[in-house]
């Protein structure tokens, strides 16, 4: 198989690297920019959550802690997804 081909996320059939829709099962392939967007949103939520949690009281502080947890999850999850994709592409 040529190196410019990837596998579909749904049916695992080989597809061209620049294809956004699988020709076999018509599944939309995720964009690498999606990972970057998730990490950026996670870092923003994390930082905004820290500010809310430290500088407010009451329900807003609870919302800050919630944003802190969600932001941490998004940032770490997006980064590990990026690392997993890099490892999968090197394994081929």
PDB file of N, CA and C in Angstrom:
ATOM      1  N   UNK A   1       0.843  -1.163   0.000  1.00  0.00           N
ATOM      2  CA  UNK A   1       0.000   0.000   0.000  1.00  0.00           C
ATOM      3  C   UNK A   1       0.897   1.238   0.000  1.00  0.00           C
ATOM      4  N   UNK A   2       0.602   2.225  -0.843  1.00  0.00           N
ATOM      5  CA  UNK A   2       1.419   3.439  -0.864  1.00  0.00           C
ATOM      6  C   UNK A   2       1.327   4.196   0.445  1.00  0.00           C
ATOM      7  N   UNK A   3       2.366   4.994   0.725  1.00  0.00           N
ATOM      8  CA  UNK A   3       2.432   5.694   2.004  1.00  0.00           C
ATOM      9  C   UNK A   3       1.482   6.884   2.077  1.00  0.00           C
ATOM     10  N   UNK A   4       0.898   7.313   0.928  1.00  0.00           N
ATOM     11  CA  UNK A   4      -0.007   8.457   0.953  1.00  0.00           C
ATOM     12  C   UNK A   4      -1.457   8.038   1.205  1.00  0.00           C
ATOM     13  N   UNK A   5      -1.663   6.824   1.686  1.00  0.00           N
ATOM     14  CA  UNK A   5      -3.020   6.351   1.947  1.00  0.00           C
ATOM     15  C   UNK A   5      -3.198   6.066   3.438  1.00  0.00           C
ATOM     16  N   UNK A   6      -4.364   6.414   3.943  1.00  0.00           N
ATOM     17  CA  UNK A   6      -4.722   6.170   5.331  1.00  0.00           C
ATOM     18  C   UNK A   6      -5.851   5.161   5.372  1.00  0.00           C
ATOM     19  N   UNK A   7      -6.301   4.830   6.578  1.00  0.00           N
ATOM     20  CA  UNK A   7      -7.439   3.929   6.727  1.00  0.00           C
ATOM     21  C   UNK A   7      -8.636   4.703   7.248  1.00  0.00           C
ATOM     22  N   UNK A   8      -9.813   4.326   6.791  1.00  0.00           N
ATOM     23  CA  UNK A   8     -11.060   4.955   7.224  1.00  0.00           C
ATOM     24  C   UNK A   8     -11.270   4.683   8.709  1.00  0.00           C
ATOM     25  N   UNK A   9     -11.833   5.662   9.423  1.00  0.00           N
ATOM     26  CA  UNK A   9     -12.057   5.490  10.854  1.00  0.00           C
ATOM     27  C   UNK A   9     -13.216   4.538  11.137  1.00  0.00           C
ATOM     28  N   UNK A  10     -14.066   4.298  10.157  1.00  0.00           N
ATOM     29  CA  UNK A  10     -15.234   3.445  10.373  1.00  0.00           C
ATOM     30  C   UNK A  10     -15.050   2.040   9.796  1.00  0.00           C
ATOM     31  N   UNK A  11     -14.762   1.948   8.490  1.00  0.00           N
ATOM     32  CA  UNK A  11     -14.682   0.634   7.845  1.00  0.00           C
ATOM     33  C   UNK A  11     -13.252   0.100   7.740  1.00  0.00           C
ATOM     34  N   UNK A  12     -12.241   0.904   8.087  1.00  0.00           N
ATOM     35  CA  UNK A  12     -10.821   0.539   8.093  1.00  0.00           C
ATOM     36  C   UNK A  12     -10.267   0.186   6.707  1.00  0.00           C
ATOM     37  N   UNK A  13     -10.977   0.567   5.643  1.00  0.00           N
ATOM     38  CA  UNK A  13     -10.482   0.363   4.285  1.00  0.00           C
ATOM     39  C   UNK A  13      -9.455   1.447   3.947  1.00  0.00           C
ATOM     40  N   UNK A  14      -8.462   1.150   3.107  1.00  0.00           N
ATOM     41  CA  UNK A  14      -7.495   2.177   2.714  1.00  0.00           C
ATOM     42  C   UNK A  14      -8.173   3.273   1.882  1.00  0.00           C
ATOM     43  N   UNK A  15      -7.860   4.533   2.209  1.00  0.00           N
ATOM     44  CA  UNK A  15      -8.385   5.678   1.460  1.00  0.00           C
ATOM     45  C   UNK A  15      -7.237   6.645   1.188  1.00  0.00           C
ATOM     46  N   UNK A  16      -7.360   7.520   0.200  1.00  0.00           N
ATOM     47  CA  UNK A  16      -6.309   8.524  -0.033  1.00  0.00           C
ATOM     48  C   UNK A  16      -6.174   9.451   1.170  1.00  0.00           C
ATOM     49  N   UNK A  17      -4.974   9.953   1.399  1.00  0.00           N
ATOM     50  CA  UNK A  17      -4.708  10.787   2.573  1.00  0.00           C
ATOM     51  C   UNK A  17      -5.483  12.092   2.544  1.00  0.00           C
ATOM     52  N   UNK A  18      -5.787  12.610   1.371  1.00  0.00           N
ATOM     53  CA  UNK A  18      -6.492  13.885   1.290  1.00  0.00           C
ATOM     54  C   UNK A  18      -8.011  13.723   1.219  1.00  0.00           C
ATOM     55  N   UNK A  19      -8.522  12.509   1.318  1.00  0.00           N
ATOM     56  CA  UNK A  19      -9.968  12.273   1.258  1.00  0.00           C
ATOM     57  C   UNK A  19     -10.618  12.657   2.579  1.00  0.00           C
ATOM     58  N   UNK A  20     -11.704  13.401   2.514  1.00  0.00           N
ATOM     59  CA  UNK A  20     -12.451  13.771   3.713  1.00  0.00           C
ATOM     60  C   UNK A  20     -13.687  12.901   3.887  1.00  0.00           C
ATOM     61  N   UNK A  21     -14.099  12.199   2.813  1.00  0.00           N
ATOM     62  CA  UNK A  21     -15.232  11.276   2.880  1.00  0.00           C
ATOM     63  C   UNK A  21     -14.765   9.939   2.323  1.00  0.00           C
ATOM     64  N   UNK A  22     -15.014   8.875   3.069  1.00  0.00           N
ATOM     65  CA  UNK A  22     -14.598   7.538   2.641  1.00  0.00           C
ATOM     66  C   UNK A  22     -15.418   7.118   1.417  1.00  0.00           C
ATOM     67  N   UNK A  23     -14.761   6.662   0.342  1.00  0.00           N
ATOM     68  CA  UNK A  23     -15.515   6.231  -0.835  1.00  0.00           C
ATOM     69  C   UNK A  23     -16.249   4.907  -0.620  1.00  0.00           C
ATOM     70  N   UNK A  24     -15.898   4.146   0.409  1.00  0.00           N
ATOM     71  CA  UNK A  24     -16.524   2.852   0.643  1.00  0.00           C
ATOM     72  C   UNK A  24     -17.790   2.958   1.482  1.00  0.00           C
ATOM     73  N   UNK A  25     -17.692   3.662   2.620  1.00  0.00           N
ATOM     74  CA  UNK A  25     -18.834   3.712   3.544  1.00  0.00           C
ATOM     75  C   UNK A  25     -19.423   5.111   3.690  1.00  0.00           C
ATOM     76  N   UNK A  26     -18.868   6.101   3.012  1.00  0.00           N
ATOM     77  CA  UNK A  26     -19.348   7.491   3.010  1.00  0.00           C
ATOM     78  C   UNK A  26     -19.254   8.159   4.382  1.00  0.00           C
ATOM     79  N   UNK A  27     -18.328   7.716   5.225  1.00  0.00           N
ATOM     80  CA  UNK A  27     -18.120   8.312   6.536  1.00  0.00           C
ATOM     81  C   UNK A  27     -17.201   9.517   6.408  1.00  0.00           C
ATOM     82  N   UNK A  28     -17.551  10.604   7.100  1.00  0.00           N
ATOM     83  CA  UNK A  28     -16.709  11.793   7.103  1.00  0.00           C
ATOM     84  C   UNK A  28     -15.508  11.528   8.010  1.00  0.00           C
ATOM     85  N   UNK A  29     -14.318  11.785   7.490  1.00  0.00           N
ATOM     86  CA  UNK A  29     -13.090  11.565   8.245  1.00  0.00           C
ATOM     87  C   UNK A  29     -12.777  12.793   9.103  1.00  0.00           C
ATOM     88  N   UNK A  30     -12.350  12.604  10.352  1.00  0.00           N
ATOM     89  CA  UNK A  30     -12.069  13.766  11.211  1.00  0.00           C
ATOM     90  C   UNK A  30     -10.856  14.551  10.730  1.00  0.00           C
ATOM     91  N   UNK A  31     -10.918  15.847  10.939  1.00  0.00           N
ATOM     92  CA  UNK A  31      -9.831  16.732  10.542  1.00  0.00           C
ATOM     93  C   UNK A  31      -8.816  16.842  11.679  1.00  0.00           C
ATOM     94  N   UNK A  32      -7.523  16.967  11.359  1.00  0.00           N
ATOM     95  CA  UNK A  32      -6.537  17.195  12.419  1.00  0.00           C
ATOM     96  C   UNK A  32      -6.756  18.529  13.137  1.00  0.00           C
ATOM     97  N   UNK A  33      -7.415  19.478  12.467  1.00  0.00           N
ATOM     98  CA  UNK A  33      -7.704  20.757  13.107  1.00  0.00           C
ATOM     99  C   UNK A  33      -8.700  20.599  14.246  1.00  0.00           C
ATOM    100  N   UNK A  34      -9.480  19.532  14.219  1.00  0.00           N
ATOM    101  CA  UNK A  34     -10.418  19.266  15.304  1.00  0.00           C
ATOM    102  C   UNK A  34      -9.661  19.025  16.611  1.00  0.00           C
ATOM    103  N   UNK A  35      -8.564  18.305  16.547  1.00  0.00           N
ATOM    104  CA  UNK A  35      -7.748  18.059  17.737  1.00  0.00           C
ATOM    105  C   UNK A  35      -7.186  19.364  18.298  1.00  0.00           C
ATOM    106  N   UNK A  36      -6.719  20.224  17.407  1.00  0.00           N
ATOM    107  CA  UNK A  36      -6.168  21.508  17.840  1.00  0.00           C
ATOM    108  C   UNK A  36      -7.259  22.355  18.485  1.00  0.00           C
ATOM    109  N   UNK A  37      -8.449  22.353  17.891  1.00  0.00           N
ATOM    110  CA  UNK A  37      -9.563  23.119  18.452  1.00  0.00           C
ATOM    111  C   UNK A  37      -9.965  22.630  19.830  1.00  0.00           C
ATOM    112  N   UNK A  38      -9.965  21.314  20.031  1.00  0.00           N
ATOM    113  CA  UNK A  38     -10.315  20.755  21.338  1.00  0.00           C
ATOM    114  C   UNK A  38      -9.286  21.153  22.388  1.00  0.00           C
ATOM    115  N   UNK A  39      -8.010  21.101  22.035  1.00  0.00           N
ATOM    116  CA  UNK A  39      -6.960  21.469  22.992  1.00  0.00           C
ATOM    117  C   UNK A  39      -7.040  22.956  23.329  1.00  0.00           C
ATOM    118  N   UNK A  40      -7.255  23.799  22.335  1.00  0.00           N
ATOM    119  CA  UNK A  40      -7.337  25.245  22.585  1.00  0.00           C
ATOM    120  C   UNK A  40      -8.555  25.559  23.455  1.00  0.00           C
ATOM    121  N   UNK A  41      -9.698  24.943  23.148  1.00  0.00           N
ATOM    122  CA  UNK A  41     -10.893  25.154  23.974  1.00  0.00           C
ATOM    123  C   UNK A  41     -10.665  24.650  25.395  1.00  0.00           C
ATOM    124  N   UNK A  42      -9.960  23.534  25.543  1.00  0.00           N
ATOM    125  CA  UNK A  42      -9.673  23.002  26.868  1.00  0.00           C
ATOM    126  C   UNK A  42      -8.768  23.909  27.688  1.00  0.00           C
ATOM    127  N   UNK A  43      -7.741  24.454  27.051  1.00  0.00           N
ATOM    128  CA  UNK A  43      -6.835  25.362  27.767  1.00  0.00           C
ATOM    129  C   UNK A  43      -7.578  26.636  28.159  1.00  0.00           C
ATOM    130  N   UNK A  44      -8.408  27.157  27.261  1.00  0.00           N
ATOM    131  CA  UNK A  44      -9.189  28.355  27.578  1.00  0.00           C
ATOM    132  C   UNK A  44     -10.133  28.087  28.751  1.00  0.00           C
ATOM    133  N   UNK A  45     -10.853  26.953  28.714  1.00  0.00           N
ATOM    134  CA  UNK A  45     -11.766  26.614  29.807  1.00  0.00           C
ATOM    135  C   UNK A  45     -10.998  26.404  31.114  1.00  0.00           C
ATOM    136  N   UNK A  46      -9.832  25.798  31.024  1.00  0.00           N
ATOM    137  CA  UNK A  46      -9.007  25.580  32.216  1.00  0.00           C
ATOM    138  C   UNK A  46      -8.592  26.912  32.847  1.00  0.00           C
ATOM    139  N   UNK A  47      -8.079  27.809  32.036  1.00  0.00           N
ATOM    140  CA  UNK A  47      -7.627  29.099  32.565  1.00  0.00           C
ATOM    141  C   UNK A  47      -8.791  29.934  33.089  1.00  0.00           C
ATOM    142  N   UNK A  48      -9.901  29.958  32.361  1.00  0.00           N
ATOM    143  CA  UNK A  48     -11.067  30.710  32.806  1.00  0.00           C
ATOM    144  C   UNK A  48     -11.648  30.089  34.076  1.00  0.00           C
ATOM    145  N   UNK A  49     -11.614  28.761  34.177  1.00  0.00           N
ATOM    146  CA  UNK A  49     -12.078  28.086  35.382  1.00  0.00           C
ATOM    147  C   UNK A  49     -11.222  28.402  36.589  1.00  0.00           C
ATOM    148  N   UNK A  50      -9.912  28.500  36.396  1.00  0.00           N
ATOM    149  CA  UNK A  50      -9.019  28.861  37.508  1.00  0.00           C
ATOM    150  C   UNK A  50      -9.340  30.265  38.006  1.00  0.00           C
ATOM    151  N   UNK A  51      -9.544  31.192  37.086  1.00  0.00           N
ATOM    152  CA  UNK A  51      -9.865  32.568  37.482  1.00  0.00           C
ATOM    153  C   UNK A  51     -11.182  32.612  38.249  1.00  0.00           C
ATOM    154  N   UNK A  52     -12.196  31.930  37.743  1.00  0.00           N
ATOM    155  CA  UNK A  52     -13.492  31.916  38.436  1.00  0.00           C
ATOM    156  C   UNK A  52     -13.403  31.234  39.798  1.00  0.00           C
ATOM    157  N   UNK A  53     -12.678  30.130  39.862  1.00  0.00           N
ATOM    158  CA  UNK A  53     -12.603  29.380  41.116  1.00  0.00           C
ATOM    159  C   UNK A  53     -11.836  30.129  42.194  1.00  0.00           C
ATOM    160  N   UNK A  54     -10.842  30.899  41.801  1.00  0.00           N
ATOM    161  CA  UNK A  54     -10.009  31.588  42.782  1.00  0.00           C
ATOM    162  C   UNK A  54     -10.597  32.934  43.203  1.00  0.00           C
ATOM    163  N   UNK A  55     -11.229  33.631  42.281  1.00  0.00           N
ATOM    164  CA  UNK A  55     -11.603  35.013  42.555  1.00  0.00           C
ATOM    165  C   UNK A  55     -13.098  35.243  42.808  1.00  0.00           C
ATOM    166  N   UNK A  56     -13.894  34.201  42.934  1.00  0.00           N
ATOM    167  CA  UNK A  56     -15.326  34.390  43.178  1.00  0.00           C
ATOM    168  C   UNK A  56     -15.775  33.537  44.358  1.00  0.00           C
ATOM    169  N   UNK A  57     -17.039  33.701  44.733  1.00  0.00           N
ATOM    170  CA  UNK A  57     -17.633  32.910  45.813  1.00  0.00           C
ATOM    171  C   UNK A  57     -18.967  32.351  45.334  1.00  0.00           C
ATOM    172  N   UNK A  58     -19.444  31.345  46.045  1.00  0.00           N
ATOM    173  CA  UNK A  58     -20.776  30.810  45.797  1.00  0.00           C
ATOM    174  C   UNK A  58     -20.859  29.924  44.568  1.00  0.00           C
ATOM    175  N   UNK A  59     -21.971  30.081  43.849  1.00  0.00           N
ATOM    176  CA  UNK A  59     -22.239  29.240  42.685  1.00  0.00           C
ATOM    177  C   UNK A  59     -21.235  29.493  41.567  1.00  0.00           C
ATOM    178  N   UNK A  60     -20.773  30.699  41.433  1.00  0.00           N
ATOM    179  CA  UNK A  60     -19.792  31.013  40.403  1.00  0.00           C
ATOM    180  C   UNK A  60     -18.480  30.272  40.666  1.00  0.00           C
ATOM    181  N   UNK A  61     -18.119  30.101  41.920  1.00  0.00           N
ATOM    182  CA  UNK A  61     -16.913  29.334  42.250  1.00  0.00           C
ATOM    183  C   UNK A  61     -17.103  27.868  41.859  1.00  0.00           C
ATOM    184  N   UNK A  62     -18.295  27.342  42.080  1.00  0.00           N
ATOM    185  CA  UNK A  62     -18.593  25.965  41.664  1.00  0.00           C
ATOM    186  C   UNK A  62     -18.501  25.833  40.143  1.00  0.00           C
ATOM    187  N   UNK A  63     -19.018  26.828  39.428  1.00  0.00           N
ATOM    188  CA  UNK A  63     -18.909  26.836  37.975  1.00  0.00           C
ATOM    189  C   UNK A  63     -17.439  26.901  37.552  1.00  0.00           C
ATOM    190  N   UNK A  64     -16.629  27.651  38.276  1.00  0.00           N
ATOM    191  CA  UNK A  64     -15.200  27.723  37.988  1.00  0.00           C
ATOM    192  C   UNK A  64     -14.511  26.382  38.146  1.00  0.00           C
ATOM    193  N   UNK A  65     -14.844  25.676  39.228  1.00  0.00           N
ATOM    194  CA  UNK A  65     -14.265  24.342  39.415  1.00  0.00           C
ATOM    195  C   UNK A  65     -14.724  23.376  38.327  1.00  0.00           C
ATOM    196  N   UNK A  66     -15.981  23.494  37.909  1.00  0.00           N
ATOM    197  CA  UNK A  66     -16.492  22.647  36.827  1.00  0.00           C
ATOM    198  C   UNK A  66     -15.748  22.943  35.524  1.00  0.00           C
ATOM    199  N   UNK A  67     -15.561  24.224  35.216  1.00  0.00           N
ATOM    200  CA  UNK A  67     -14.798  24.580  34.021  1.00  0.00           C
ATOM    201  C   UNK A  67     -13.354  24.105  34.116  1.00  0.00           C
ATOM    202  N   UNK A  68     -12.795  24.141  35.298  1.00  0.00           N
ATOM    203  CA  UNK A  68     -11.431  23.662  35.516  1.00  0.00           C
ATOM    204  C   UNK A  68     -11.325  22.181  35.165  1.00  0.00           C
ATOM    205  N   UNK A  69     -12.256  21.387  35.642  1.00  0.00           N
ATOM    206  CA  UNK A  69     -12.237  19.942  35.375  1.00  0.00           C
ATOM    207  C   UNK A  69     -12.491  19.654  33.898  1.00  0.00           C
ATOM    208  N   UNK A  70     -13.487  20.311  33.314  1.00  0.00           N
ATOM    209  CA  UNK A  70     -13.801  20.095  31.902  1.00  0.00           C
ATOM    210  C   UNK A  70     -12.634  20.548  31.021  1.00  0.00           C
ATOM    211  N   UNK A  71     -12.049  21.690  31.330  1.00  0.00           N
ATOM    212  CA  UNK A  71     -10.911  22.182  30.552  1.00  0.00           C
ATOM    213  C   UNK A  71      -9.723  21.250  30.621  1.00  0.00           C
ATOM    214  N   UNK A  72      -9.447  20.723  31.812  1.00  0.00           N
ATOM    215  CA  UNK A  72      -8.345  19.773  31.947  1.00  0.00           C
ATOM    216  C   UNK A  72      -8.612  18.523  31.116  1.00  0.00           C
ATOM    217  N   UNK A  73      -9.833  18.030  31.170  1.00  0.00           N
ATOM    218  CA  UNK A  73     -10.182  16.841  30.395  1.00  0.00           C
ATOM    219  C   UNK A  73     -10.064  17.066  28.903  1.00  0.00           C
ATOM    220  N   UNK A  74     -10.538  18.212  28.420  1.00  0.00           N
ATOM    221  CA  UNK A  74     -10.440  18.510  26.994  1.00  0.00           C
ATOM    222  C   UNK A  74      -8.991  18.677  26.545  1.00  0.00           C
ATOM    223  N   UNK A  75      -8.210  19.384  27.321  1.00  0.00           N
ATOM    224  CA  UNK A  75      -6.813  19.619  26.937  1.00  0.00           C
ATOM    225  C   UNK A  75      -6.016  18.318  26.912  1.00  0.00           C
ATOM    226  N   UNK A  76      -6.143  17.524  27.954  1.00  0.00           N
ATOM    227  CA  UNK A  76      -5.387  16.257  28.014  1.00  0.00           C
ATOM    228  C   UNK A  76      -5.931  15.269  26.985  1.00  0.00           C
ATOM    229  N   UNK A  77      -7.248  15.198  26.841  1.00  0.00           N
ATOM    230  CA  UNK A  77      -7.841  14.282  25.868  1.00  0.00           C
ATOM    231  C   UNK A  77      -7.470  14.626  24.435  1.00  0.00           C
ATOM    232  N   UNK A  78      -7.494  15.909  24.100  1.00  0.00           N
ATOM    233  CA  UNK A  78      -7.108  16.316  22.754  1.00  0.00           C
ATOM    234  C   UNK A  78      -5.646  16.040  22.471  1.00  0.00           C
ATOM    235  N   UNK A  79      -4.802  16.274  23.461  1.00  0.00           N
ATOM    236  CA  UNK A  79      -3.378  16.026  23.263  1.00  0.00           C
ATOM    237  C   UNK A  79      -3.084  14.529  23.128  1.00  0.00           C
ATOM    238  N   UNK A  80      -3.726  13.698  23.941  1.00  0.00           N
ATOM    239  CA  UNK A  80      -3.490  12.256  23.822  1.00  0.00           C
ATOM    240  C   UNK A  80      -4.043  11.713  22.510  1.00  0.00           C
ATOM    241  N   UNK A  81      -5.132  12.294  22.010  1.00  0.00           N
ATOM    242  CA  UNK A  81      -5.637  11.864  20.705  1.00  0.00           C
ATOM    243  C   UNK A  81      -4.618  12.190  19.618  1.00  0.00           C
ATOM    244  N   UNK A  82      -4.001  13.365  19.719  1.00  0.00           N
ATOM    245  CA  UNK A  82      -2.959  13.750  18.764  1.00  0.00           C
ATOM    246  C   UNK A  82      -1.777  12.777  18.839  1.00  0.00           C
ATOM    247  N   UNK A  83      -1.345  12.442  20.049  1.00  0.00           N
ATOM    248  CA  UNK A  83      -0.226  11.508  20.219  1.00  0.00           C
ATOM    249  C   UNK A  83      -0.587  10.128  19.675  1.00  0.00           C
ATOM    250  N   UNK A  84      -1.814   9.675  19.918  1.00  0.00           N
ATOM    251  CA  UNK A  84      -2.248   8.375  19.397  1.00  0.00           C
ATOM    252  C   UNK A  84      -2.251   8.351  17.874  1.00  0.00           C
ATOM    253  N   UNK A  85      -2.686   9.437  17.258  1.00  0.00           N
ATOM    254  CA  UNK A  85      -2.677   9.493  15.790  1.00  0.00           C
ATOM    255  C   UNK A  85      -1.255   9.468  15.256  1.00  0.00           C
ATOM    256  N   UNK A  86      -0.342  10.174  15.911  1.00  0.00           N
ATOM    257  CA  UNK A  86       1.051  10.174  15.471  1.00  0.00           C
ATOM    258  C   UNK A  86       1.648   8.774  15.593  1.00  0.00           C
ATOM    259  N   UNK A  87       1.355   8.087  16.688  1.00  0.00           N
ATOM    260  CA  UNK A  87       1.886   6.737  16.885  1.00  0.00           C
ATOM    261  C   UNK A  87       1.298   5.767  15.862  1.00  0.00           C
ATOM    262  N   UNK A  88       0.016   5.930  15.541  1.00  0.00           N
ATOM    263  CA  UNK A  88      -0.613   5.043  14.559  1.00  0.00           C
ATOM    264  C   UNK A  88      -0.037   5.275  13.168  1.00  0.00           C
ATOM    265  N   UNK A  89       0.261   6.522  12.839  1.00  0.00           N
ATOM    266  CA  UNK A  89       0.822   6.792  11.509  1.00  0.00           C
ATOM    267  C   UNK A  89       2.265   6.290  11.408  1.00  0.00           C
ATOM    268  N   UNK A  90       3.007   6.316  12.509  1.00  0.00           N
ATOM    269  CA  UNK A  90       4.377   5.789  12.495  1.00  0.00           C
ATOM    270  C   UNK A  90       4.394   4.266  12.458  1.00  0.00           C
ATOM    271  N   UNK A  91       3.359   3.643  12.999  1.00  0.00           N
ATOM    272  CA  UNK A  91       3.322   2.177  13.050  1.00  0.00           C
ATOM    273  C   UNK A  91       3.062   1.570  11.676  1.00  0.00           C
ATOM    274  N   UNK A  92       2.503   2.366  10.777  1.00  0.00           N
ATOM    275  CA  UNK A  92       2.231   1.832   9.429  1.00  0.00           C
ATOM    276  C   UNK A  92       3.479   1.753   8.691  1.00  0.00           C
TER     277      UNK A  92
END
